[in-house]
Amino acid sequence: MGRRVRPLHWLAIACALAGPIDRAAGQDAGFALHSSAFQPGGPIPSRYTCEGLDLSPPLAWTEPPPGTRSLALVLEDPDAPDPKAPQRTWVHWVVVGIPSQVRELADGASGSRLPPGARHGLNDWKRSDYGGPCPPIGRHRYFFELYALDATLSELSSPTKPELERAMPGHVLARAELVGTYEKTQP
């Protein structure tokens, strides 16, 4: 599987200005995101998908850069609906206002188990919660993107990904990324 290709846009510029990016890992040097449930680039267990319990997986990250006031998380699938002919990026989860001192989201943290102050945005199902991988065909890639921000973005109550992207320019200090894959056992 090749790396996801995105057109150069404001986020790439903001991340470039924030510091050196480890291109091989898809994240800023020194700021990393991982999960105890799956390896980077590996399969996401069905527990965290529509074929299982549809819980958010456990996520943990390293110390964000100095000046971080909050974190934002996005989970998206750029291979929708078919990885052989992707037509859109499907947003599965948006979380904003994660306090800067928090270093993890536990297994099943979506819903009412988010840290105090954190709040859900709207995914592409128009739900304010986690919606796990549920690809209609083929093996899809799922990008968990964590942003360290120098602001709380308190004006955003339940943002969509585009609303979050419009609020982030000039506030991104670092970005960490974790990619997992999933293919349904029963298409």
N, C-alpha and C. Protein backbone atom coordinates (compact mmCIF):
# COMPACT_ATOMS: atom_id res chain seq x y z
N MET A 1 0.84 -1.18 0.00
CA MET A 1 0.00 0.00 0.00
C MET A 1 0.88 1.24 0.00
N GLY A 2 0.59 2.18 -0.86
CA GLY A 2 1.35 3.42 -0.90
C GLY A 2 0.87 4.41 0.13
N ARG A 3 1.67 5.42 0.35
CA ARG A 3 1.26 6.49 1.26
C ARG A 3 0.14 7.29 0.64
N ARG A 4 -0.69 7.80 1.47
CA ARG A 4 -1.78 8.66 1.04
C ARG A 4 -1.18 9.94 0.46
N VAL A 5 -1.69 10.37 -0.67
CA VAL A 5 -1.20 11.60 -1.30
C VAL A 5 -2.26 12.67 -1.13
N ARG A 6 -1.88 13.79 -0.61
CA ARG A 6 -2.80 14.91 -0.43
C ARG A 6 -2.23 16.12 -1.15
N PRO A 7 -3.09 16.95 -1.69
CA PRO A 7 -2.60 18.18 -2.28
C PRO A 7 -2.02 19.08 -1.19
N LEU A 8 -1.03 19.87 -1.56
CA LEU A 8 -0.45 20.82 -0.61
C LEU A 8 -1.53 21.82 -0.23
N HIS A 9 -1.77 21.95 1.04
CA HIS A 9 -2.78 22.90 1.51
C HIS A 9 -2.31 23.51 2.82
N TRP A 10 -3.16 24.28 3.46
CA TRP A 10 -2.77 25.06 4.62
C TRP A 10 -2.19 24.21 5.74
N LEU A 11 -2.70 22.99 5.93
CA LEU A 11 -2.22 22.17 7.04
C LEU A 11 -0.77 21.75 6.82
N ALA A 12 -0.43 21.40 5.59
CA ALA A 12 0.96 21.03 5.30
C ALA A 12 1.88 22.21 5.56
N ILE A 13 1.43 23.39 5.21
CA ILE A 13 2.23 24.58 5.45
C ILE A 13 2.37 24.84 6.94
N ALA A 14 1.27 24.72 7.67
CA ALA A 14 1.31 24.93 9.13
C ALA A 14 2.24 23.94 9.81
N CYS A 15 2.16 22.67 9.39
CA CYS A 15 3.04 21.66 9.99
C CYS A 15 4.49 21.91 9.63
N ALA A 16 4.75 22.36 8.41
CA ALA A 16 6.12 22.65 8.01
C ALA A 16 6.70 23.79 8.84
N LEU A 17 5.88 24.78 9.14
CA LEU A 17 6.34 25.89 9.95
C LEU A 17 6.52 25.50 11.42
N ALA A 18 5.79 24.45 11.86
CA ALA A 18 5.84 24.03 13.26
C ALA A 18 7.13 23.30 13.59
N GLY A 19 7.80 22.75 12.62
CA GLY A 19 9.05 22.04 12.92
C GLY A 19 9.27 20.90 11.95
N PRO A 20 10.39 20.17 12.14
CA PRO A 20 10.72 19.10 11.21
C PRO A 20 9.72 17.95 11.30
N ILE A 21 9.38 17.39 10.15
CA ILE A 21 8.45 16.29 10.10
C ILE A 21 9.20 15.04 9.67
N ASP A 22 8.99 13.96 10.41
CA ASP A 22 9.54 12.67 10.05
C ASP A 22 8.62 12.10 8.98
N ARG A 23 8.96 12.29 7.71
CA ARG A 23 8.07 11.92 6.60
C ARG A 23 7.79 10.42 6.57
N ALA A 24 8.75 9.60 6.94
CA ALA A 24 8.54 8.15 6.92
C ALA A 24 7.46 7.75 7.91
N ALA A 25 7.40 8.41 9.05
CA ALA A 25 6.41 8.07 10.07
C ALA A 25 5.13 8.88 9.90
N GLY A 26 5.15 9.93 9.07
CA GLY A 26 3.96 10.75 8.86
C GLY A 26 3.63 11.61 10.05
N GLN A 27 4.63 12.04 10.80
CA GLN A 27 4.36 12.84 11.99
C GLN A 27 5.53 13.77 12.27
N ASP A 28 5.29 14.72 13.17
CA ASP A 28 6.34 15.62 13.57
C ASP A 28 7.33 14.86 14.43
N ALA A 29 8.63 15.13 14.22
CA ALA A 29 9.66 14.49 15.02
C ALA A 29 9.42 14.80 16.49
N GLY A 30 9.43 13.78 17.33
CA GLY A 30 9.26 13.97 18.77
C GLY A 30 7.83 13.88 19.27
N PHE A 31 6.85 13.88 18.41
CA PHE A 31 5.46 13.77 18.82
C PHE A 31 4.89 12.55 18.10
N ALA A 32 4.53 11.51 18.86
CA ALA A 32 4.13 10.24 18.25
C ALA A 32 2.83 9.73 18.85
N LEU A 33 2.08 9.03 18.04
CA LEU A 33 0.80 8.45 18.41
C LEU A 33 0.89 6.95 18.20
N HIS A 34 0.39 6.16 19.15
CA HIS A 34 0.39 4.72 19.00
C HIS A 34 -0.82 4.11 19.70
N SER A 35 -1.04 2.81 19.44
CA SER A 35 -2.13 2.07 20.06
C SER A 35 -1.61 0.73 20.54
N SER A 36 -2.07 0.30 21.70
CA SER A 36 -1.72 -1.03 22.20
C SER A 36 -2.55 -2.11 21.50
N ALA A 37 -3.54 -1.72 20.71
CA ALA A 37 -4.42 -2.67 20.04
C ALA A 37 -3.91 -3.12 18.67
N PHE A 38 -3.09 -2.31 18.00
CA PHE A 38 -2.57 -2.68 16.68
C PHE A 38 -1.27 -1.94 16.41
N GLN A 39 -0.46 -2.53 15.54
CA GLN A 39 0.82 -1.96 15.15
C GLN A 39 0.62 -0.94 14.02
N PRO A 40 1.51 0.04 13.91
CA PRO A 40 1.40 1.00 12.79
C PRO A 40 1.37 0.25 11.45
N GLY A 41 0.36 0.56 10.65
CA GLY A 41 0.19 -0.07 9.35
C GLY A 41 -0.46 -1.44 9.42
N GLY A 42 -0.71 -1.93 10.63
CA GLY A 42 -1.29 -3.26 10.80
C GLY A 42 -2.80 -3.25 10.87
N PRO A 43 -3.39 -4.45 10.94
CA PRO A 43 -4.85 -4.55 10.97
C PRO A 43 -5.43 -4.09 12.31
N ILE A 44 -6.53 -3.39 12.24
CA ILE A 44 -7.28 -2.96 13.42
C ILE A 44 -8.16 -4.14 13.84
N PRO A 45 -8.10 -4.57 15.11
CA PRO A 45 -8.92 -5.69 15.55
C PRO A 45 -10.41 -5.41 15.36
N SER A 46 -11.18 -6.45 15.05
CA SER A 46 -12.60 -6.28 14.75
C SER A 46 -13.38 -5.69 15.92
N ARG A 47 -12.88 -5.83 17.14
CA ARG A 47 -13.53 -5.23 18.33
C ARG A 47 -13.82 -3.74 18.10
N TYR A 48 -12.96 -3.07 17.35
CA TYR A 48 -13.05 -1.62 17.14
C TYR A 48 -13.75 -1.25 15.84
N THR A 49 -14.48 -2.18 15.25
CA THR A 49 -15.12 -1.98 13.95
C THR A 49 -16.62 -2.28 14.03
N CYS A 50 -17.31 -2.08 12.91
CA CYS A 50 -18.74 -2.37 12.84
C CYS A 50 -19.03 -3.86 12.96
N GLU A 51 -18.04 -4.70 12.74
CA GLU A 51 -18.24 -6.15 12.88
C GLU A 51 -18.03 -6.61 14.33
N GLY A 52 -17.54 -5.72 15.18
CA GLY A 52 -17.30 -6.05 16.57
C GLY A 52 -18.16 -5.18 17.47
N LEU A 53 -17.53 -4.62 18.50
CA LEU A 53 -18.25 -3.78 19.46
C LEU A 53 -18.31 -2.32 19.05
N ASP A 54 -17.58 -1.97 17.98
CA ASP A 54 -17.54 -0.59 17.47
C ASP A 54 -17.08 0.40 18.54
N LEU A 55 -16.09 -0.02 19.32
CA LEU A 55 -15.49 0.84 20.34
C LEU A 55 -14.28 1.54 19.75
N SER A 56 -13.97 2.72 20.26
CA SER A 56 -12.73 3.38 19.85
C SER A 56 -11.55 2.62 20.45
N PRO A 57 -10.46 2.48 19.69
CA PRO A 57 -9.30 1.75 20.21
C PRO A 57 -8.53 2.60 21.22
N PRO A 58 -7.74 1.95 22.07
CA PRO A 58 -6.89 2.72 22.97
C PRO A 58 -5.82 3.45 22.17
N LEU A 59 -5.61 4.71 22.50
CA LEU A 59 -4.59 5.53 21.84
C LEU A 59 -3.76 6.20 22.91
N ALA A 60 -2.48 6.33 22.65
CA ALA A 60 -1.58 7.03 23.57
C ALA A 60 -0.58 7.82 22.74
N TRP A 61 -0.03 8.89 23.33
CA TRP A 61 0.90 9.73 22.60
C TRP A 61 1.98 10.25 23.54
N THR A 62 3.04 10.69 22.91
CA THR A 62 4.17 11.25 23.64
C THR A 62 3.86 12.70 24.02
N GLU A 63 4.76 13.26 24.78
CA GLU A 63 4.63 14.65 25.25
C GLU A 63 4.50 15.60 24.05
N PRO A 64 3.44 16.41 24.02
CA PRO A 64 3.33 17.39 22.94
C PRO A 64 4.32 18.54 23.17
N PRO A 65 4.53 19.36 22.17
CA PRO A 65 5.51 20.43 22.32
C PRO A 65 5.09 21.48 23.36
N PRO A 66 6.06 22.22 23.88
CA PRO A 66 5.73 23.31 24.81
C PRO A 66 4.76 24.28 24.15
N GLY A 67 3.86 24.81 24.95
CA GLY A 67 2.87 25.75 24.44
C GLY A 67 1.57 25.09 24.02
N THR A 68 1.51 23.76 24.09
CA THR A 68 0.27 23.06 23.71
C THR A 68 -0.80 23.35 24.75
N ARG A 69 -1.96 23.80 24.30
CA ARG A 69 -3.09 24.09 25.20
C ARG A 69 -4.21 23.07 25.06
N SER A 70 -4.29 22.40 23.90
CA SER A 70 -5.28 21.35 23.70
C SER A 70 -4.84 20.47 22.54
N LEU A 71 -5.56 19.36 22.40
CA LEU A 71 -5.29 18.42 21.31
C LEU A 71 -6.60 18.16 20.57
N ALA A 72 -6.49 17.85 19.29
CA ALA A 72 -7.65 17.49 18.47
C ALA A 72 -7.30 16.20 17.74
N LEU A 73 -8.30 15.35 17.58
CA LEU A 73 -8.10 14.04 16.96
C LEU A 73 -9.10 13.85 15.83
N VAL A 74 -8.62 13.32 14.71
CA VAL A 74 -9.48 12.99 13.57
C VAL A 74 -9.14 11.57 13.13
N LEU A 75 -10.16 10.77 12.85
CA LEU A 75 -9.98 9.45 12.24
C LEU A 75 -10.69 9.48 10.90
N GLU A 76 -9.93 9.15 9.84
CA GLU A 76 -10.53 9.19 8.51
C GLU A 76 -10.04 8.04 7.63
N ASP A 77 -10.85 7.72 6.65
CA ASP A 77 -10.59 6.66 5.67
C ASP A 77 -10.53 7.31 4.29
N PRO A 78 -9.32 7.41 3.70
CA PRO A 78 -9.22 8.03 2.38
C PRO A 78 -9.53 7.08 1.23
N ASP A 79 -9.91 5.83 1.53
CA ASP A 79 -10.12 4.82 0.51
C ASP A 79 -11.58 4.55 0.20
N ALA A 80 -12.49 5.40 0.65
CA ALA A 80 -13.93 5.16 0.46
C ALA A 80 -14.36 5.47 -0.98
N PRO A 81 -15.27 4.69 -1.52
CA PRO A 81 -15.80 3.47 -0.96
C PRO A 81 -14.97 2.23 -1.30
N ASP A 82 -14.12 2.32 -2.32
CA ASP A 82 -13.34 1.17 -2.79
C ASP A 82 -11.88 1.60 -2.90
N PRO A 83 -10.96 0.92 -2.22
CA PRO A 83 -9.55 1.34 -2.28
C PRO A 83 -8.95 1.30 -3.68
N LYS A 84 -9.54 0.52 -4.59
CA LYS A 84 -9.06 0.47 -5.97
C LYS A 84 -9.51 1.69 -6.77
N ALA A 85 -10.56 2.36 -6.31
CA ALA A 85 -11.08 3.56 -6.97
C ALA A 85 -11.68 4.49 -5.92
N PRO A 86 -10.83 5.04 -5.02
CA PRO A 86 -11.38 5.90 -3.96
C PRO A 86 -12.05 7.13 -4.54
N GLN A 87 -13.17 7.51 -3.91
CA GLN A 87 -13.92 8.67 -4.38
C GLN A 87 -13.99 9.77 -3.36
N ARG A 88 -13.72 9.44 -2.09
CA ARG A 88 -13.80 10.46 -1.04
C ARG A 88 -13.08 9.96 0.21
N THR A 89 -12.86 10.89 1.11
CA THR A 89 -12.33 10.56 2.43
C THR A 89 -13.51 10.57 3.40
N TRP A 90 -13.69 9.45 4.12
CA TRP A 90 -14.79 9.32 5.06
C TRP A 90 -14.28 9.58 6.47
N VAL A 91 -14.91 10.51 7.17
CA VAL A 91 -14.50 10.88 8.52
C VAL A 91 -15.27 10.02 9.52
N HIS A 92 -14.53 9.29 10.35
CA HIS A 92 -15.12 8.37 11.33
C HIS A 92 -15.22 8.95 12.74
N TRP A 93 -14.35 9.92 13.05
CA TRP A 93 -14.31 10.41 14.43
C TRP A 93 -13.63 11.76 14.46
N VAL A 94 -14.20 12.69 15.21
CA VAL A 94 -13.60 14.00 15.46
C VAL A 94 -13.72 14.27 16.96
N VAL A 95 -12.60 14.61 17.58
CA VAL A 95 -12.59 14.97 19.00
C VAL A 95 -11.78 16.26 19.14
N VAL A 96 -12.32 17.24 19.84
CA VAL A 96 -11.62 18.50 20.08
C VAL A 96 -11.57 18.77 21.58
N GLY A 97 -10.68 19.67 21.97
CA GLY A 97 -10.62 20.09 23.37
C GLY A 97 -10.01 19.06 24.31
N ILE A 98 -9.23 18.13 23.79
CA ILE A 98 -8.55 17.18 24.68
C ILE A 98 -7.52 17.99 25.48
N PRO A 99 -7.58 17.95 26.80
CA PRO A 99 -6.66 18.75 27.60
C PRO A 99 -5.19 18.39 27.31
N SER A 100 -4.33 19.39 27.34
CA SER A 100 -2.93 19.20 26.96
C SER A 100 -2.18 18.24 27.86
N GLN A 101 -2.62 18.05 29.11
CA GLN A 101 -1.92 17.14 30.01
C GLN A 101 -2.32 15.67 29.81
N VAL A 102 -3.39 15.40 29.05
CA VAL A 102 -3.84 14.04 28.79
C VAL A 102 -2.87 13.38 27.81
N ARG A 103 -2.53 12.11 28.06
CA ARG A 103 -1.60 11.38 27.20
C ARG A 103 -2.20 10.13 26.58
N GLU A 104 -3.51 9.88 26.86
CA GLU A 104 -4.11 8.70 26.26
C GLU A 104 -5.63 8.79 26.27
N LEU A 105 -6.22 8.02 25.37
CA LEU A 105 -7.66 7.76 25.37
C LEU A 105 -7.78 6.24 25.55
N ALA A 106 -8.51 5.82 26.55
CA ALA A 106 -8.65 4.40 26.86
C ALA A 106 -9.50 3.69 25.82
N ASP A 107 -9.42 2.38 25.82
CA ASP A 107 -10.27 1.52 25.02
C ASP A 107 -11.73 1.94 25.26
N GLY A 108 -12.46 2.23 24.20
CA GLY A 108 -13.86 2.63 24.33
C GLY A 108 -14.05 4.03 24.90
N ALA A 109 -13.09 4.93 24.67
CA ALA A 109 -13.16 6.28 25.23
C ALA A 109 -14.22 7.15 24.58
N SER A 110 -14.73 6.75 23.44
CA SER A 110 -15.76 7.56 22.81
C SER A 110 -17.00 7.59 23.69
N GLY A 111 -17.94 8.41 23.35
CA GLY A 111 -19.14 8.55 24.17
C GLY A 111 -18.84 9.36 25.42
N SER A 112 -19.34 8.91 26.53
CA SER A 112 -19.20 9.66 27.78
C SER A 112 -17.86 9.43 28.47
N ARG A 113 -16.97 8.63 27.87
CA ARG A 113 -15.70 8.32 28.51
C ARG A 113 -14.54 9.20 28.03
N LEU A 114 -14.85 10.28 27.33
CA LEU A 114 -13.80 11.22 26.94
C LEU A 114 -13.29 11.95 28.19
N PRO A 115 -12.05 12.42 28.18
CA PRO A 115 -11.55 13.19 29.32
C PRO A 115 -12.37 14.46 29.52
N PRO A 116 -12.47 14.95 30.75
CA PRO A 116 -13.20 16.21 31.00
C PRO A 116 -12.66 17.33 30.11
N GLY A 117 -13.58 18.05 29.48
CA GLY A 117 -13.21 19.15 28.59
C GLY A 117 -13.20 18.75 27.13
N ALA A 118 -12.93 17.48 26.84
CA ALA A 118 -12.92 17.01 25.45
C ALA A 118 -14.36 16.84 24.97
N ARG A 119 -14.57 17.06 23.68
CA ARG A 119 -15.91 16.93 23.13
C ARG A 119 -15.84 16.39 21.70
N HIS A 120 -16.89 15.68 21.35
CA HIS A 120 -16.98 15.09 20.02
C HIS A 120 -17.39 16.11 18.99
N GLY A 121 -16.85 15.94 17.80
CA GLY A 121 -17.35 16.64 16.64
C GLY A 121 -18.27 15.69 15.89
N LEU A 122 -18.73 16.11 14.72
CA LEU A 122 -19.61 15.28 13.91
C LEU A 122 -18.81 14.49 12.89
N ASN A 123 -19.09 13.18 12.80
CA ASN A 123 -18.46 12.37 11.77
C ASN A 123 -19.32 12.41 10.50
N ASP A 124 -18.94 11.66 9.49
CA ASP A 124 -19.70 11.70 8.24
C ASP A 124 -21.02 10.94 8.29
N TRP A 125 -21.31 10.26 9.38
CA TRP A 125 -22.64 9.70 9.62
C TRP A 125 -23.52 10.73 10.31
N LYS A 126 -22.97 11.93 10.55
CA LYS A 126 -23.66 13.02 11.26
C LYS A 126 -23.95 12.64 12.72
N ARG A 127 -23.04 11.83 13.29
CA ARG A 127 -23.13 11.43 14.70
C ARG A 127 -21.98 12.05 15.47
N SER A 128 -22.24 12.41 16.71
CA SER A 128 -21.20 12.93 17.60
C SER A 128 -20.64 11.79 18.42
N ASP A 129 -19.87 10.95 17.78
CA ASP A 129 -19.28 9.79 18.45
C ASP A 129 -18.32 9.13 17.48
N TYR A 130 -17.71 8.06 17.94
CA TYR A 130 -16.83 7.23 17.13
C TYR A 130 -17.67 6.33 16.26
N GLY A 131 -17.28 6.19 15.02
CA GLY A 131 -17.87 5.22 14.10
C GLY A 131 -16.72 4.42 13.52
N GLY A 132 -16.62 3.17 13.93
CA GLY A 132 -15.47 2.36 13.56
C GLY A 132 -15.41 1.98 12.09
N PRO A 133 -14.27 1.41 11.69
CA PRO A 133 -14.10 0.96 10.32
C PRO A 133 -15.23 0.01 9.91
N CYS A 134 -15.73 0.20 8.69
CA CYS A 134 -16.83 -0.60 8.16
C CYS A 134 -16.79 -0.53 6.64
N PRO A 135 -15.65 -0.92 6.05
CA PRO A 135 -15.50 -0.72 4.60
C PRO A 135 -16.44 -1.60 3.78
N PRO A 136 -17.07 -1.06 2.76
CA PRO A 136 -17.99 -1.85 1.94
C PRO A 136 -17.28 -2.89 1.06
N ILE A 137 -16.00 -2.59 0.72
CA ILE A 137 -15.24 -3.50 -0.14
C ILE A 137 -13.75 -3.28 0.08
N GLY A 138 -12.99 -4.35 0.09
CA GLY A 138 -11.53 -4.26 0.14
C GLY A 138 -10.96 -3.85 1.49
N ARG A 139 -9.62 -3.82 1.54
CA ARG A 139 -8.88 -3.41 2.73
C ARG A 139 -8.64 -1.91 2.66
N HIS A 140 -9.15 -1.19 3.66
CA HIS A 140 -9.03 0.27 3.72
C HIS A 140 -7.97 0.66 4.74
N ARG A 141 -7.42 1.85 4.56
CA ARG A 141 -6.49 2.45 5.52
C ARG A 141 -7.25 3.45 6.37
N TYR A 142 -6.92 3.48 7.66
CA TYR A 142 -7.56 4.39 8.60
C TYR A 142 -6.49 5.23 9.27
N PHE A 143 -6.59 6.54 9.10
CA PHE A 143 -5.60 7.50 9.59
C PHE A 143 -6.12 8.18 10.85
N PHE A 144 -5.44 7.91 11.97
CA PHE A 144 -5.70 8.62 13.22
C PHE A 144 -4.72 9.79 13.22
N GLU A 145 -5.21 11.00 13.25
CA GLU A 145 -4.37 12.20 13.20
C GLU A 145 -4.60 13.02 14.46
N LEU A 146 -3.52 13.25 15.21
CA LEU A 146 -3.59 13.98 16.46
C LEU A 146 -2.84 15.30 16.29
N TYR A 147 -3.49 16.40 16.64
CA TYR A 147 -2.91 17.73 16.48
C TYR A 147 -2.68 18.36 17.85
N ALA A 148 -1.48 18.85 18.10
CA ALA A 148 -1.17 19.64 19.29
C ALA A 148 -1.41 21.10 18.91
N LEU A 149 -2.27 21.78 19.66
CA LEU A 149 -2.69 23.14 19.32
C LEU A 149 -2.31 24.12 20.42
N ASP A 150 -2.03 25.35 20.03
CA ASP A 150 -1.70 26.39 21.02
C ASP A 150 -2.95 27.15 21.46
N ALA A 151 -4.13 26.59 21.18
CA ALA A 151 -5.41 27.20 21.53
C ALA A 151 -6.37 26.09 21.97
N THR A 152 -7.45 26.47 22.61
CA THR A 152 -8.44 25.47 23.04
C THR A 152 -9.57 25.29 22.03
N LEU A 153 -9.71 26.22 21.11
CA LEU A 153 -10.78 26.21 20.10
C LEU A 153 -12.15 26.04 20.76
N SER A 154 -12.33 26.75 21.86
CA SER A 154 -13.57 26.64 22.64
C SER A 154 -14.80 27.11 21.86
N GLU A 155 -14.60 27.86 20.79
CA GLU A 155 -15.74 28.31 19.98
C GLU A 155 -16.36 27.16 19.18
N LEU A 156 -15.65 26.04 19.09
CA LEU A 156 -16.17 24.87 18.37
C LEU A 156 -16.91 23.96 19.34
N SER A 157 -18.21 23.79 19.16
CA SER A 157 -18.95 22.94 20.09
C SER A 157 -18.98 21.49 19.61
N SER A 158 -19.35 21.24 18.38
CA SER A 158 -19.40 19.89 17.83
C SER A 158 -19.04 19.97 16.34
N PRO A 159 -17.76 20.27 16.06
CA PRO A 159 -17.38 20.59 14.68
C PRO A 159 -17.27 19.38 13.76
N THR A 160 -17.51 19.62 12.50
CA THR A 160 -17.18 18.66 11.46
C THR A 160 -15.67 18.80 11.21
N LYS A 161 -15.11 17.88 10.46
CA LYS A 161 -13.68 18.00 10.13
C LYS A 161 -13.39 19.30 9.37
N PRO A 162 -14.20 19.68 8.36
CA PRO A 162 -13.91 20.95 7.68
C PRO A 162 -13.96 22.16 8.62
N GLU A 163 -14.89 22.16 9.59
CA GLU A 163 -14.96 23.26 10.54
C GLU A 163 -13.70 23.28 11.42
N LEU A 164 -13.25 22.12 11.83
CA LEU A 164 -12.01 22.03 12.61
C LEU A 164 -10.83 22.53 11.78
N GLU A 165 -10.75 22.12 10.54
CA GLU A 165 -9.65 22.55 9.66
C GLU A 165 -9.65 24.07 9.48
N ARG A 166 -10.82 24.69 9.40
CA ARG A 166 -10.89 26.15 9.25
C ARG A 166 -10.45 26.87 10.53
N ALA A 167 -10.61 26.21 11.68
CA ALA A 167 -10.24 26.84 12.97
C ALA A 167 -8.77 26.64 13.33
N MET A 168 -8.10 25.67 12.73
CA MET A 168 -6.73 25.32 13.14
C MET A 168 -5.59 26.15 12.56
N PRO A 169 -5.73 26.81 11.41
CA PRO A 169 -4.56 27.53 10.87
C PRO A 169 -3.96 28.48 11.89
N GLY A 170 -2.64 28.43 11.98
CA GLY A 170 -1.90 29.28 12.91
C GLY A 170 -1.84 28.72 14.32
N HIS A 171 -2.53 27.59 14.59
CA HIS A 171 -2.56 27.02 15.94
C HIS A 171 -1.91 25.65 16.05
N VAL A 172 -1.52 25.02 14.93
CA VAL A 172 -0.95 23.68 14.95
C VAL A 172 0.53 23.76 15.32
N LEU A 173 0.88 23.17 16.47
CA LEU A 173 2.27 23.11 16.91
C LEU A 173 2.94 21.82 16.44
N ALA A 174 2.17 20.74 16.37
CA ALA A 174 2.71 19.45 15.94
C ALA A 174 1.55 18.55 15.53
N ARG A 175 1.90 17.52 14.77
CA ARG A 175 0.92 16.55 14.29
C ARG A 175 1.53 15.16 14.41
N ALA A 176 0.74 14.21 14.91
CA ALA A 176 1.16 12.81 14.98
C ALA A 176 0.12 11.98 14.24
N GLU A 177 0.57 10.89 13.64
CA GLU A 177 -0.32 10.08 12.82
C GLU A 177 -0.08 8.60 13.10
N LEU A 178 -1.16 7.84 13.12
CA LEU A 178 -1.12 6.39 13.24
C LEU A 178 -2.07 5.83 12.19
N VAL A 179 -1.59 4.86 11.42
CA VAL A 179 -2.40 4.27 10.37
C VAL A 179 -2.65 2.80 10.69
N GLY A 180 -3.91 2.38 10.58
CA GLY A 180 -4.28 0.98 10.69
C GLY A 180 -5.09 0.60 9.47
N THR A 181 -5.31 -0.69 9.28
CA THR A 181 -6.07 -1.15 8.13
C THR A 181 -7.21 -2.05 8.60
N TYR A 182 -8.21 -2.20 7.73
CA TYR A 182 -9.30 -3.13 8.04
C TYR A 182 -10.00 -3.56 6.77
N GLU A 183 -10.35 -4.85 6.74
CA GLU A 183 -11.17 -5.42 5.67
C GLU A 183 -12.21 -6.31 6.34
N LYS A 184 -13.46 -6.15 5.96
CA LYS A 184 -14.53 -6.95 6.55
C LYS A 184 -14.32 -8.44 6.26
N THR A 185 -14.72 -9.26 7.23
CA THR A 185 -14.65 -10.70 7.01
C THR A 185 -15.81 -11.16 6.14
N GLN A 186 -16.94 -10.46 6.21
CA GLN A 186 -18.11 -10.76 5.37
C GLN A 186 -18.47 -9.53 4.57
N PRO A 187 -18.12 -9.48 3.27
CA PRO A 187 -18.44 -8.28 2.48
C PRO A 187 -19.92 -8.01 2.34
